[in-house]
Amino acid sequence: MIFEHVYLLQERFLLLRIHGLHRTNRPFLEIVAYWISDSWEMEEVLIGFEEIRGSHMGANMAWIINNVVARYRIQNRILGFTTASASNNRTLTEALNNAWSLQSVE
């Protein structure tokens, strides 16, 4: 199903929602892309459900997210992203800003 949306992902400006799931012994990152369709409907698709291996620090999580974003070649389509309130958000934001050359909004 995701591959049906790859073209749309590459043609639209996107918002990402990044959410950590820690309900098991194995933590995961859920990455959802949102965009507005031609009929002005909000669309969404899960683009990543990645296991967090190693550190849960922002730089490691940014590496995981950047790999997912690169997989779909959408680095230049991202307008912004949201994350859960966590202590590693600052390092995550800084690492993603560096990777995507975005300006930081505080």
Protein backbone atom coordinates (compact mmCIF):
# COMPACT_ATOMS: atom_id res chain seq x y z
CA MET A 1 0.00 0.00 0.00
CA ILE A 2 2.79 2.44 0.81
CA PHE A 3 4.23 2.17 -2.69
CA GLU A 4 0.95 3.47 -4.13
CA HIS A 5 1.68 6.69 -2.22
CA VAL A 6 5.38 7.06 -3.09
CA TYR A 7 4.68 9.30 -6.07
CA LEU A 8 2.33 11.47 -4.00
CA LEU A 9 4.90 11.70 -1.21
CA GLN A 10 7.51 12.95 -3.64
CA GLU A 11 5.17 15.56 -5.15
CA ARG A 12 3.58 17.03 -1.99
CA PHE A 13 4.81 19.07 0.91
CA LEU A 14 4.69 16.88 3.99
CA LEU A 15 4.39 17.00 7.73
CA LEU A 16 5.79 14.11 9.74
CA ARG A 17 4.56 12.79 13.06
CA ILE A 18 7.24 10.91 14.95
CA HIS A 19 6.17 8.86 17.91
CA GLY A 20 8.14 6.45 20.09
CA LEU A 21 6.44 3.26 21.20
CA HIS A 22 7.83 1.60 24.30
CA ARG A 23 5.13 -0.92 25.19
CA THR A 24 7.41 -3.91 24.80
CA ASN A 25 11.00 -4.71 25.60
CA ARG A 26 11.79 -3.51 22.08
CA PRO A 27 11.20 0.22 21.46
CA PHE A 28 10.04 1.43 18.03
CA LEU A 29 9.66 4.70 16.16
CA GLU A 30 6.43 5.24 14.25
CA ILE A 31 6.78 7.74 11.39
CA VAL A 32 3.62 8.99 9.67
CA ALA A 33 3.56 11.37 6.68
CA TYR A 34 0.66 13.79 6.18
CA TRP A 35 -0.24 15.86 3.12
CA ILE A 36 -3.18 17.66 1.53
CA SER A 37 -4.78 16.01 -1.51
CA ASP A 38 -5.95 17.80 -4.65
CA SER A 39 -9.47 17.77 -3.15
CA TRP A 40 -8.15 19.43 0.04
CA GLU A 41 -8.47 16.30 2.16
CA MET A 42 -5.79 15.43 4.69
CA GLU A 43 -4.09 12.18 3.73
CA GLU A 44 -1.73 10.10 5.83
CA VAL A 45 0.40 7.01 5.45
CA LEU A 46 2.70 5.12 7.79
CA ILE A 47 6.15 5.32 6.20
CA GLY A 48 8.20 3.81 8.99
CA PHE A 49 7.86 1.51 11.96
CA GLU A 50 11.48 1.11 12.94
CA GLU A 51 13.06 -0.63 15.89
CA ILE A 52 15.30 1.64 17.97
CA ARG A 53 18.56 -0.20 18.45
CA GLY A 54 21.12 1.20 20.77
CA SER A 55 20.75 4.59 22.34
CA HIS A 56 17.42 6.41 22.53
CA MET A 57 19.27 9.68 22.18
CA GLY A 58 18.09 12.19 19.63
CA ALA A 59 21.05 11.70 17.28
CA ASN A 60 20.37 7.96 16.98
CA MET A 61 16.66 8.53 16.46
CA ALA A 62 17.44 11.19 13.83
CA TRP A 63 19.63 8.67 12.00
CA ILE A 64 16.70 6.21 11.92
CA ILE A 65 14.24 8.88 10.75
CA ASN A 66 16.63 10.21 8.12
CA ASN A 67 17.05 6.69 6.69
CA VAL A 68 13.27 6.31 6.36
CA VAL A 69 12.94 9.75 4.74
CA ALA A 70 15.82 8.97 2.36
CA ARG A 71 14.24 5.63 1.44
CA TYR A 72 11.30 7.53 -0.07
CA ARG A 73 13.44 10.45 -1.37
CA ILE A 74 11.32 13.05 0.42
CA GLN A 75 14.01 15.05 2.27
CA ASN A 76 13.20 18.21 0.32
CA ARG A 77 9.42 17.84 0.73
CA ILE A 78 9.20 18.12 4.52
CA LEU A 79 7.70 21.29 5.94
CA GLY A 80 7.99 20.22 9.56
CA PHE A 81 7.56 17.43 12.05
CA THR A 82 6.05 16.80 15.44
CA THR A 83 7.35 14.58 18.23
CA ALA A 84 6.23 13.55 21.66
CA SER A 85 7.42 15.67 24.54
CA ALA A 86 10.67 14.04 25.59
CA SER A 87 14.07 15.05 26.87
CA ASN A 88 15.81 14.05 23.62
CA ASN A 89 13.68 16.28 21.36
CA ARG A 90 16.29 19.06 21.24
CA THR A 91 19.07 16.79 20.00
CA LEU A 92 16.62 15.05 17.64
CA THR A 93 15.50 18.39 16.18
CA GLU A 94 19.06 19.66 15.82
CA ALA A 95 20.20 16.46 14.11
CA LEU A 96 17.24 16.46 11.68
CA ASN A 97 17.71 20.17 10.96
CA ASN A 98 21.34 19.49 10.08
CA ALA A 99 20.42 16.49 7.93
CA TRP A 100 17.60 18.25 6.09
CA SER A 101 19.00 21.81 6.15
CA LEU A 102 15.85 23.13 7.83
CA GLN A 103 15.68 26.24 9.95
CA SER A 104 14.98 25.65 13.62
CA VAL A 105 11.75 27.00 15.02
CA GLU A 106 11.70 27.44 18.78
